[in-house]
Amino acid sequence: MNSMNALLEPGMIVRHPDRPDWGDGQVQSNIGGIVTVMFRDEGKVVIDGSRVALIAVFD
């Protein structure tokens, strides 16, 4: 798993680096490197944290 993804917790806001059209998403869970995110414009997406480094949003 990407080291930044290991820090993601439920409730945090993230962006997918390759899918800006999905908008911001809220982390639902992060279990064993599998991150479930509810994106504003895409819905629920399950992401393999070893393949995609999500970007935490702090604004």
Protein backbone atom coordinates (compact mmCIF):
# COMPACT_ATOMS: atom_id res chain seq x y z
CA MET A 1 0.00 0.00 0.00
CA ASN A 2 1.13 3.52 -0.72
CA SER A 3 2.42 5.07 2.53
CA MET A 4 0.07 8.07 2.23
CA ASN A 5 -2.94 5.80 1.74
CA ALA A 6 -2.06 4.08 5.03
CA LEU A 7 -2.87 7.37 6.79
CA LEU A 8 -6.36 7.67 5.33
CA GLU A 9 -9.20 7.29 7.82
CA PRO A 10 -12.98 7.28 7.45
CA GLY A 11 -14.32 10.78 7.01
CA MET A 12 -11.23 12.19 5.29
CA ILE A 13 -11.70 13.92 1.94
CA VAL A 14 -9.59 12.71 -1.01
CA ARG A 15 -9.19 13.06 -4.77
CA HIS A 16 -8.27 10.38 -7.30
CA PRO A 17 -5.14 11.56 -9.18
CA ASP A 18 -6.30 10.14 -12.54
CA ARG A 19 -10.01 10.99 -12.25
CA PRO A 20 -10.47 14.69 -11.46
CA ASP A 21 -13.95 14.45 -13.00
CA TRP A 22 -15.04 12.33 -10.01
CA GLY A 23 -14.69 15.34 -7.71
CA ASP A 24 -13.82 15.09 -4.04
CA GLY A 25 -14.63 11.90 -2.17
CA GLN A 26 -15.09 10.89 1.44
CA VAL A 27 -13.20 7.84 2.70
CA GLN A 28 -15.67 5.24 3.98
CA SER A 29 -13.13 2.59 5.02
CA ASN A 30 -9.47 1.61 4.70
CA ILE A 31 -8.98 -2.08 5.43
CA GLY A 32 -5.82 -3.91 4.44
CA GLY A 33 -4.98 -1.34 1.78
CA ILE A 34 -8.41 -1.47 0.16
CA VAL A 35 -9.92 2.01 0.36
CA THR A 36 -13.63 2.58 -0.18
CA VAL A 37 -14.47 6.15 -1.19
CA MET A 38 -17.80 7.85 -1.90
CA PHE A 39 -17.03 10.34 -4.68
CA ARG A 40 -19.34 13.31 -5.26
CA ASP A 41 -19.74 12.73 -9.01
CA GLU A 42 -19.00 9.00 -9.34
CA GLY A 43 -20.48 7.31 -6.29
CA LYS A 44 -18.89 4.52 -4.27
CA VAL A 45 -15.55 3.27 -5.58
CA VAL A 46 -13.32 0.57 -4.09
CA ILE A 47 -9.64 1.36 -4.70
CA ASP A 48 -6.56 -0.86 -4.38
CA GLY A 49 -4.24 1.35 -2.35
CA SER A 50 -1.17 -0.41 -3.75
CA ARG A 51 -2.05 0.81 -7.26
CA VAL A 52 -3.46 4.30 -6.69
CA ALA A 53 -2.08 7.01 -4.37
CA LEU A 54 -5.11 9.06 -3.37
CA ILE A 55 -4.59 12.74 -2.66
CA ALA A 56 -5.79 14.00 0.72
CA VAL A 57 -7.71 17.30 0.58
CA PHE A 58 -7.23 19.74 3.43
CA ASP A 59 -9.03 22.88 2.14
